[in-house]
Amino acid sequence: MRNISRSGLLFTAEQQHPTSTKIELTFALPKVIREEPPGTVYCQGEIVRTMVFAADADRHAIAVRIVDYEFMRTQASPAGGQEVGER
């Protein structure tokens, strides 16, 4: 991931994908708020631009407009692992 905001994101990939392609992404957010567990974000988006990544000609920069997203908090399970909690 190169850049992310509420309305879109930019990442690199080995393959180029056509604009208007619908994609789904899931990624974990670090714990940044005191006393709050980390979270996971599920996004639905659409590719709006692709280009050859300047630092590496074998990679493509892909810009995605986020259409919808859902934020899910993770809760620590009693065994010390992580499980998905509230949406």
PDB file of N, CA and C in Angstrom:
ATOM      1  N   MET A   1       0.860  -1.163   0.000  1.00  0.00           N
ATOM      2  CA  MET A   1       0.000   0.000   0.000  1.00  0.00           C
ATOM      3  C   MET A   1       0.907   1.227   0.000  1.00  0.00           C
ATOM      4  N   ARG A   2       0.640   2.135  -0.882  1.00  0.00           N
ATOM      5  CA  ARG A   2       1.451   3.337  -0.987  1.00  0.00           C
ATOM      6  C   ARG A   2       0.790   4.535  -0.298  1.00  0.00           C
ATOM      7  N   ASN A   3      -0.534   4.610  -0.390  1.00  0.00           N
ATOM      8  CA  ASN A   3      -1.264   5.758   0.136  1.00  0.00           C
ATOM      9  C   ASN A   3      -2.722   5.342   0.331  1.00  0.00           C
ATOM     10  N   ILE A   4      -3.337   5.861   1.392  1.00  0.00           N
ATOM     11  CA  ILE A   4      -4.737   5.527   1.640  1.00  0.00           C
ATOM     12  C   ILE A   4      -5.439   6.715   2.271  1.00  0.00           C
ATOM     13  N   SER A   5      -6.696   6.901   1.907  1.00  0.00           N
ATOM     14  CA  SER A   5      -7.544   7.922   2.517  1.00  0.00           C
ATOM     15  C   SER A   5      -8.953   7.349   2.599  1.00  0.00           C
ATOM     16  N   ARG A   6      -9.866   8.116   3.105  1.00  0.00           N
ATOM     17  CA  ARG A   6     -11.255   7.661   3.215  1.00  0.00           C
ATOM     18  C   ARG A   6     -11.889   7.439   1.838  1.00  0.00           C
ATOM     19  N   SER A   7     -11.433   8.168   0.830  1.00  0.00           N
ATOM     20  CA  SER A   7     -12.070   8.078  -0.489  1.00  0.00           C
ATOM     21  C   SER A   7     -11.337   7.190  -1.487  1.00  0.00           C
ATOM     22  N   GLY A   8     -10.100   6.784  -1.185  1.00  0.00           N
ATOM     23  CA  GLY A   8      -9.381   5.963  -2.137  1.00  0.00           C
ATOM     24  C   GLY A   8      -8.041   5.490  -1.625  1.00  0.00           C
ATOM     25  N   LEU A   9      -7.382   4.696  -2.470  1.00  0.00           N
ATOM     26  CA  LEU A   9      -6.067   4.206  -2.106  1.00  0.00           C
ATOM     27  C   LEU A   9      -5.227   3.969  -3.339  1.00  0.00           C
ATOM     28  N   LEU A  10      -3.926   3.904  -3.113  1.00  0.00           N
ATOM     29  CA  LEU A  10      -2.965   3.653  -4.179  1.00  0.00           C
ATOM     30  C   LEU A  10      -2.065   2.520  -3.718  1.00  0.00           C
ATOM     31  N   PHE A  11      -1.921   1.484  -4.552  1.00  0.00           N
ATOM     32  CA  PHE A  11      -1.040   0.374  -4.208  1.00  0.00           C
ATOM     33  C   PHE A  11      -0.329  -0.094  -5.464  1.00  0.00           C
ATOM     34  N   THR A  12       0.690  -0.933  -5.286  1.00  0.00           N
ATOM     35  CA  THR A  12       1.413  -1.468  -6.433  1.00  0.00           C
ATOM     36  C   THR A  12       1.095  -2.950  -6.589  1.00  0.00           C
ATOM     37  N   ALA A  13       1.149  -3.414  -7.827  1.00  0.00           N
ATOM     38  CA  ALA A  13       0.864  -4.810  -8.147  1.00  0.00           C
ATOM     39  C   ALA A  13       1.746  -5.243  -9.303  1.00  0.00           C
ATOM     40  N   GLU A  14       1.917  -6.545  -9.443  1.00  0.00           N
ATOM     41  CA  GLU A  14       2.733  -7.071 -10.532  1.00  0.00           C
ATOM     42  C   GLU A  14       2.007  -7.038 -11.866  1.00  0.00           C
ATOM     43  N   GLN A  15       0.683  -7.037 -11.835  1.00  0.00           N
ATOM     44  CA  GLN A  15      -0.100  -7.019 -13.062  1.00  0.00           C
ATOM     45  C   GLN A  15      -0.883  -5.727 -13.172  1.00  0.00           C
ATOM     46  N   GLN A  16      -1.067  -5.284 -14.409  1.00  0.00           N
ATOM     47  CA  GLN A  16      -1.927  -4.131 -14.653  1.00  0.00           C
ATOM     48  C   GLN A  16      -3.363  -4.636 -14.748  1.00  0.00           C
ATOM     49  N   HIS A  17      -4.300  -3.834 -14.270  1.00  0.00           N
ATOM     50  CA  HIS A  17      -5.714  -4.194 -14.322  1.00  0.00           C
ATOM     51  C   HIS A  17      -6.465  -3.060 -15.003  1.00  0.00           C
ATOM     52  N   PRO A  18      -7.502  -3.363 -15.771  1.00  0.00           N
ATOM     53  CA  PRO A  18      -8.238  -2.321 -16.483  1.00  0.00           C
ATOM     54  C   PRO A  18      -8.989  -1.383 -15.533  1.00  0.00           C
ATOM     55  N   THR A  19      -9.140  -0.145 -15.957  1.00  0.00           N
ATOM     56  CA  THR A  19      -9.961   0.788 -15.186  1.00  0.00           C
ATOM     57  C   THR A  19     -11.399   0.273 -15.185  1.00  0.00           C
ATOM     58  N   SER A  20     -12.158   0.687 -14.206  1.00  0.00           N
ATOM     59  CA  SER A  20     -13.543   0.270 -13.975  1.00  0.00           C
ATOM     60  C   SER A  20     -13.665  -1.142 -13.396  1.00  0.00           C
ATOM     61  N   THR A  21     -12.535  -1.834 -13.159  1.00  0.00           N
ATOM     62  CA  THR A  21     -12.583  -3.150 -12.538  1.00  0.00           C
ATOM     63  C   THR A  21     -13.011  -2.996 -11.090  1.00  0.00           C
ATOM     64  N   LYS A  22     -13.984  -3.782 -10.664  1.00  0.00           N
ATOM     65  CA  LYS A  22     -14.450  -3.778  -9.275  1.00  0.00           C
ATOM     66  C   LYS A  22     -13.527  -4.680  -8.462  1.00  0.00           C
ATOM     67  N   ILE A  23     -13.112  -4.223  -7.271  1.00  0.00           N
ATOM     68  CA  ILE A  23     -12.245  -5.027  -6.428  1.00  0.00           C
ATOM     69  C   ILE A  23     -12.721  -4.987  -4.977  1.00  0.00           C
ATOM     70  N   GLU A  24     -12.291  -5.972  -4.215  1.00  0.00           N
ATOM     71  CA  GLU A  24     -12.553  -6.028  -2.783  1.00  0.00           C
ATOM     72  C   GLU A  24     -11.210  -6.137  -2.081  1.00  0.00           C
ATOM     73  N   LEU A  25     -11.041  -5.399  -0.997  1.00  0.00           N
ATOM     74  CA  LEU A  25      -9.792  -5.388  -0.237  1.00  0.00           C
ATOM     75  C   LEU A  25     -10.098  -5.526   1.245  1.00  0.00           C
ATOM     76  N   THR A  26      -9.242  -6.225   1.947  1.00  0.00           N
ATOM     77  CA  THR A  26      -9.334  -6.317   3.395  1.00  0.00           C
ATOM     78  C   THR A  26      -7.948  -6.055   3.954  1.00  0.00           C
ATOM     79  N   PHE A  27      -7.852  -5.187   4.952  1.00  0.00           N
ATOM     80  CA  PHE A  27      -6.557  -4.931   5.567  1.00  0.00           C
ATOM     81  C   PHE A  27      -6.728  -4.593   7.042  1.00  0.00           C
ATOM     82  N   ALA A  28      -5.658  -4.834   7.777  1.00  0.00           N
ATOM     83  CA  ALA A  28      -5.671  -4.607   9.221  1.00  0.00           C
ATOM     84  C   ALA A  28      -5.122  -3.219   9.523  1.00  0.00           C
ATOM     85  N   LEU A  29      -5.729  -2.564  10.491  1.00  0.00           N
ATOM     86  CA  LEU A  29      -5.238  -1.278  10.972  1.00  0.00           C
ATOM     87  C   LEU A  29      -4.505  -1.492  12.292  1.00  0.00           C
ATOM     88  N   PRO A  30      -3.440  -0.739  12.526  1.00  0.00           N
ATOM     89  CA  PRO A  30      -2.742  -0.879  13.804  1.00  0.00           C
ATOM     90  C   PRO A  30      -3.544  -0.252  14.938  1.00  0.00           C
ATOM     91  N   LYS A  31      -3.219  -0.628  16.142  1.00  0.00           N
ATOM     92  CA  LYS A  31      -3.858  -0.029  17.322  1.00  0.00           C
ATOM     93  C   LYS A  31      -3.326   1.393  17.463  1.00  0.00           C
ATOM     94  N   VAL A  32      -4.217   2.377  17.350  1.00  0.00           N
ATOM     95  CA  VAL A  32      -3.781   3.779  17.441  1.00  0.00           C
ATOM     96  C   VAL A  32      -4.531   4.551  18.516  1.00  0.00           C
ATOM     97  N   ILE A  33      -5.640   4.016  18.978  1.00  0.00           N
ATOM     98  CA  ILE A  33      -6.428   4.706  19.995  1.00  0.00           C
ATOM     99  C   ILE A  33      -6.237   3.974  21.318  1.00  0.00           C
ATOM    100  N   ARG A  34      -5.875   4.689  22.301  1.00  0.00           N
ATOM    101  CA  ARG A  34      -5.653   4.117  23.626  1.00  0.00           C
ATOM    102  C   ARG A  34      -6.887   3.327  24.072  1.00  0.00           C
ATOM    103  N   GLU A  35      -6.657   2.168  24.614  1.00  0.00           N
ATOM    104  CA  GLU A  35      -7.700   1.294  25.159  1.00  0.00           C
ATOM    105  C   GLU A  35      -8.658   0.726  24.101  1.00  0.00           C
ATOM    106  N   GLU A  36      -8.379   0.914  22.853  1.00  0.00           N
ATOM    107  CA  GLU A  36      -9.224   0.354  21.792  1.00  0.00           C
ATOM    108  C   GLU A  36      -8.457  -0.763  21.091  1.00  0.00           C
ATOM    109  N   PRO A  37      -9.111  -1.891  20.769  1.00  0.00           N
ATOM    110  CA  PRO A  37      -8.427  -2.957  20.038  1.00  0.00           C
ATOM    111  C   PRO A  37      -8.189  -2.540  18.583  1.00  0.00           C
ATOM    112  N   PRO A  38      -7.235  -3.192  17.915  1.00  0.00           N
ATOM    113  CA  PRO A  38      -7.009  -2.871  16.498  1.00  0.00           C
ATOM    114  C   PRO A  38      -8.235  -3.238  15.670  1.00  0.00           C
ATOM    115  N   GLY A  39      -8.252  -2.817  14.429  1.00  0.00           N
ATOM    116  CA  GLY A  39      -9.408  -3.082  13.585  1.00  0.00           C
ATOM    117  C   GLY A  39      -9.032  -3.606  12.217  1.00  0.00           C
ATOM    118  N   THR A  40     -10.029  -4.075  11.513  1.00  0.00           N
ATOM    119  CA  THR A  40      -9.887  -4.546  10.142  1.00  0.00           C
ATOM    120  C   THR A  40     -10.861  -3.750   9.287  1.00  0.00           C
ATOM    121  N   VAL A  41     -10.430  -3.394   8.084  1.00  0.00           N
ATOM    122  CA  VAL A  41     -11.284  -2.658   7.159  1.00  0.00           C
ATOM    123  C   VAL A  41     -11.525  -3.522   5.931  1.00  0.00           C
ATOM    124  N   TYR A  42     -12.791  -3.667   5.570  1.00  0.00           N
ATOM    125  CA  TYR A  42     -13.203  -4.366   4.355  1.00  0.00           C
ATOM    126  C   TYR A  42     -13.711  -3.298   3.399  1.00  0.00           C
ATOM    127  N   CYS A  43     -13.115  -3.231   2.208  1.00  0.00           N
ATOM    128  CA  CYS A  43     -13.482  -2.191   1.226  1.00  0.00           C
ATOM    129  C   CYS A  43     -13.949  -2.803  -0.079  1.00  0.00           C
ATOM    130  N   GLN A  44     -14.878  -2.108  -0.705  1.00  0.00           N
ATOM    131  CA  GLN A  44     -15.257  -2.384  -2.084  1.00  0.00           C
ATOM    132  C   GLN A  44     -14.882  -1.143  -2.868  1.00  0.00           C
ATOM    133  N   GLY A  45     -14.242  -1.344  -4.006  1.00  0.00           N
ATOM    134  CA  GLY A  45     -13.791  -0.193  -4.774  1.00  0.00           C
ATOM    135  C   GLY A  45     -13.777  -0.447  -6.263  1.00  0.00           C
ATOM    136  N   GLU A  46     -13.322   0.572  -6.976  1.00  0.00           N
ATOM    137  CA  GLU A  46     -13.246   0.517  -8.429  1.00  0.00           C
ATOM    138  C   GLU A  46     -11.925   1.130  -8.864  1.00  0.00           C
ATOM    139  N   ILE A  47     -11.213   0.430  -9.739  1.00  0.00           N
ATOM    140  CA  ILE A  47      -9.944   0.956 -10.256  1.00  0.00           C
ATOM    141  C   ILE A  47     -10.235   2.147 -11.157  1.00  0.00           C
ATOM    142  N   VAL A  48      -9.580   3.276 -10.869  1.00  0.00           N
ATOM    143  CA  VAL A  48      -9.803   4.481 -11.655  1.00  0.00           C
ATOM    144  C   VAL A  48      -8.583   4.872 -12.483  1.00  0.00           C
ATOM    145  N   ARG A  49      -7.401   4.320 -12.126  1.00  0.00           N
ATOM    146  CA  ARG A  49      -6.192   4.671 -12.882  1.00  0.00           C
ATOM    147  C   ARG A  49      -5.120   3.618 -12.633  1.00  0.00           C
ATOM    148  N   THR A  50      -4.353   3.303 -13.678  1.00  0.00           N
ATOM    149  CA  THR A  50      -3.182   2.448 -13.529  1.00  0.00           C
ATOM    150  C   THR A  50      -2.032   3.082 -14.294  1.00  0.00           C
ATOM    151  N   MET A  51      -0.824   2.854 -13.796  1.00  0.00           N
ATOM    152  CA  MET A  51       0.365   3.371 -14.472  1.00  0.00           C
ATOM    153  C   MET A  51       1.563   2.524 -14.063  1.00  0.00           C
ATOM    154  N   VAL A  52       2.627   2.563 -14.846  1.00  0.00           N
ATOM    155  CA  VAL A  52       3.848   1.861 -14.478  1.00  0.00           C
ATOM    156  C   VAL A  52       4.434   2.581 -13.274  1.00  0.00           C
ATOM    157  N   PHE A  53       4.807   1.819 -12.249  1.00  0.00           N
ATOM    158  CA  PHE A  53       5.377   2.384 -11.029  1.00  0.00           C
ATOM    159  C   PHE A  53       6.765   2.916 -11.355  1.00  0.00           C
ATOM    160  N   ALA A  54       7.032   4.179 -11.063  1.00  0.00           N
ATOM    161  CA  ALA A  54       8.269   4.840 -11.445  1.00  0.00           C
ATOM    162  C   ALA A  54       9.522   4.145 -10.904  1.00  0.00           C
ATOM    163  N   ALA A  55       9.464   3.586  -9.703  1.00  0.00           N
ATOM    164  CA  ALA A  55      10.641   2.986  -9.077  1.00  0.00           C
ATOM    165  C   ALA A  55      10.939   1.570  -9.596  1.00  0.00           C
ATOM    166  N   ASP A  56       9.995   0.944 -10.301  1.00  0.00           N
ATOM    167  CA  ASP A  56      10.173  -0.437 -10.737  1.00  0.00           C
ATOM    168  C   ASP A  56       9.272  -0.687 -11.945  1.00  0.00           C
ATOM    169  N   ALA A  57       9.866  -0.839 -13.112  1.00  0.00           N
ATOM    170  CA  ALA A  57       9.096  -0.987 -14.353  1.00  0.00           C
ATOM    171  C   ALA A  57       8.281  -2.277 -14.406  1.00  0.00           C
ATOM    172  N   ASP A  58       8.565  -3.248 -13.533  1.00  0.00           N
ATOM    173  CA  ASP A  58       7.805  -4.499 -13.502  1.00  0.00           C
ATOM    174  C   ASP A  58       6.586  -4.428 -12.590  1.00  0.00           C
ATOM    175  N   ARG A  59       6.364  -3.293 -11.969  1.00  0.00           N
ATOM    176  CA  ARG A  59       5.216  -3.123 -11.063  1.00  0.00           C
ATOM    177  C   ARG A  59       4.321  -2.005 -11.591  1.00  0.00           C
ATOM    178  N   HIS A  60       3.051  -2.077 -11.249  1.00  0.00           N
ATOM    179  CA  HIS A  60       2.076  -1.086 -11.681  1.00  0.00           C
ATOM    180  C   HIS A  60       1.465  -0.403 -10.464  1.00  0.00           C
ATOM    181  N   ALA A  61       1.316   0.894 -10.536  1.00  0.00           N
ATOM    182  CA  ALA A  61       0.608   1.646  -9.498  1.00  0.00           C
ATOM    183  C   ALA A  61      -0.873   1.619  -9.874  1.00  0.00           C
ATOM    184  N   ILE A  62      -1.708   1.284  -8.911  1.00  0.00           N
ATOM    185  CA  ILE A  62      -3.147   1.165  -9.156  1.00  0.00           C
ATOM    186  C   ILE A  62      -3.886   2.071  -8.185  1.00  0.00           C
ATOM    187  N   ALA A  63      -4.672   2.988  -8.731  1.00  0.00           N
ATOM    188  CA  ALA A  63      -5.471   3.905  -7.914  1.00  0.00           C
ATOM    189  C   ALA A  63      -6.903   3.391  -7.872  1.00  0.00           C
ATOM    190  N   VAL A  64      -7.449   3.313  -6.659  1.00  0.00           N
ATOM    191  CA  VAL A  64      -8.786   2.772  -6.450  1.00  0.00           C
ATOM    192  C   VAL A  64      -9.655   3.803  -5.736  1.00  0.00           C
ATOM    193  N   ARG A  65     -10.863   4.007  -6.238  1.00  0.00           N
ATOM    194  CA  ARG A  65     -11.863   4.829  -5.554  1.00  0.00           C
ATOM    195  C   ARG A  65     -12.662   3.901  -4.659  1.00  0.00           C
ATOM    196  N   ILE A  66     -12.705   4.221  -3.367  1.00  0.00           N
ATOM    197  CA  ILE A  66     -13.466   3.400  -2.431  1.00  0.00           C
ATOM    198  C   ILE A  66     -14.950   3.729  -2.574  1.00  0.00           C
ATOM    199  N   VAL A  67     -15.747   2.715  -2.873  1.00  0.00           N
ATOM    200  CA  VAL A  67     -17.183   2.865  -3.052  1.00  0.00           C
ATOM    201  C   VAL A  67     -17.907   2.659  -1.726  1.00  0.00           C
ATOM    202  N   ASP A  68     -17.446   1.663  -0.961  1.00  0.00           N
ATOM    203  CA  ASP A  68     -18.065   1.350   0.317  1.00  0.00           C
ATOM    204  C   ASP A  68     -17.018   0.689   1.196  1.00  0.00           C
ATOM    205  N   TYR A  69     -17.152   0.843   2.502  1.00  0.00           N
ATOM    206  CA  TYR A  69     -16.240   0.160   3.408  1.00  0.00           C
ATOM    207  C   TYR A  69     -16.944  -0.169   4.706  1.00  0.00           C
ATOM    208  N   GLU A  70     -16.380  -1.132   5.408  1.00  0.00           N
ATOM    209  CA  GLU A  70     -16.909  -1.555   6.695  1.00  0.00           C
ATOM    210  C   GLU A  70     -15.726  -1.711   7.645  1.00  0.00           C
ATOM    211  N   PHE A  71     -15.817  -1.101   8.797  1.00  0.00           N
ATOM    212  CA  PHE A  71     -14.772  -1.162   9.801  1.00  0.00           C
ATOM    213  C   PHE A  71     -15.175  -2.164  10.864  1.00  0.00           C
ATOM    214  N   MET A  72     -14.303  -3.115  11.160  1.00  0.00           N
ATOM    215  CA  MET A  72     -14.604  -4.143  12.150  1.00  0.00           C
ATOM    216  C   MET A  72     -13.526  -4.130  13.224  1.00  0.00           C
ATOM    217  N   ARG A  73     -13.927  -3.997  14.471  1.00  0.00           N
ATOM    218  CA  ARG A  73     -12.983  -4.077  15.602  1.00  0.00           C
ATOM    219  C   ARG A  73     -12.677  -5.539  15.874  1.00  0.00           C
ATOM    220  N   THR A  74     -11.453  -5.822  16.233  1.00  0.00           N
ATOM    221  CA  THR A  74     -11.097  -7.173  16.642  1.00  0.00           C
ATOM    222  C   THR A  74     -11.068  -7.221  18.159  1.00  0.00           C
ATOM    223  N   GLN A  75     -11.478  -8.326  18.692  1.00  0.00           N
ATOM    224  CA  GLN A  75     -11.498  -8.526  20.135  1.00  0.00           C
ATOM    225  C   GLN A  75     -10.503  -9.619  20.478  1.00  0.00           C
ATOM    226  N   ALA A  76      -9.796  -9.459  21.573  1.00  0.00           N
ATOM    227  CA  ALA A  76      -8.898 -10.516  22.035  1.00  0.00           C
ATOM    228  C   ALA A  76      -9.738 -11.664  22.574  1.00  0.00           C
ATOM    229  N   SER A  77      -9.452 -12.858  22.128  1.00  0.00           N
ATOM    230  CA  SER A  77     -10.181 -14.023  22.638  1.00  0.00           C
ATOM    231  C   SER A  77      -9.578 -14.439  23.976  1.00  0.00           C
ATOM    232  N   PRO A  78     -10.301 -15.201  24.792  1.00  0.00           N
ATOM    233  CA  PRO A  78      -9.775 -15.637  26.079  1.00  0.00           C
ATOM    234  C   PRO A  78      -8.451 -16.385  25.984  1.00  0.00           C
ATOM    235  N   ALA A  79      -8.213 -17.077  24.859  1.00  0.00           N
ATOM    236  CA  ALA A  79      -6.979 -17.834  24.688  1.00  0.00           C
ATOM    237  C   ALA A  79      -5.824 -16.948  24.255  1.00  0.00           C
ATOM    238  N   GLY A  80      -6.074 -15.651  24.085  1.00  0.00           N
ATOM    239  CA  GLY A  80      -5.017 -14.734  23.705  1.00  0.00           C
ATOM    240  C   GLY A  80      -4.932 -14.469  22.206  1.00  0.00           C
ATOM    241  N   GLY A  81      -5.747 -15.153  21.398  1.00  0.00           N
ATOM    242  CA  GLY A  81      -5.750 -14.926  19.961  1.00  0.00           C
ATOM    243  C   GLY A  81      -6.642 -13.757  19.606  1.00  0.00           C
ATOM    244  N   GLN A  82      -6.866 -13.556  18.335  1.00  0.00           N
ATOM    245  CA  GLN A  82      -7.726 -12.477  17.860  1.00  0.00           C
ATOM    246  C   GLN A  82      -8.949 -13.066  17.177  1.00  0.00           C
ATOM    247  N   GLU A  83     -10.078 -12.452  17.377  1.00  0.00           N
ATOM    248  CA  GLU A  83     -11.283 -12.849  16.663  1.00  0.00           C
ATOM    249  C   GLU A  83     -12.012 -11.586  16.256  1.00  0.00           C
ATOM    250  N   VAL A  84     -12.700 -11.652  15.127  1.00  0.00           N
ATOM    251  CA  VAL A  84     -13.417 -10.483  14.639  1.00  0.00           C
ATOM    252  C   VAL A  84     -14.601 -10.225  15.533  1.00  0.00           C
ATOM    253  N   GLY A  85     -14.813  -8.963  15.861  1.00  0.00           N
ATOM    254  CA  GLY A  85     -15.911  -8.609  16.757  1.00  0.00           C
ATOM    255  C   GLY A  85     -16.922  -7.725  16.081  1.00  0.00           C
ATOM    256  N   GLU A  86     -17.199  -6.596  16.701  1.00  0.00           N
ATOM    257  CA  GLU A  86     -18.264  -5.693  16.253  1.00  0.00           C
ATOM    258  C   GLU A  86     -17.985  -5.129  14.870  1.00  0.00           C
ATOM    259  N   ARG A  87     -19.069  -4.898  14.152  1.00  0.00           N
ATOM    260  CA  ARG A  87     -18.982  -4.228  12.857  1.00  0.00           C
ATOM    261  C   ARG A  87     -19.545  -2.866  12.984  1.00  0.00           C
TER     262      ARG A  87
END
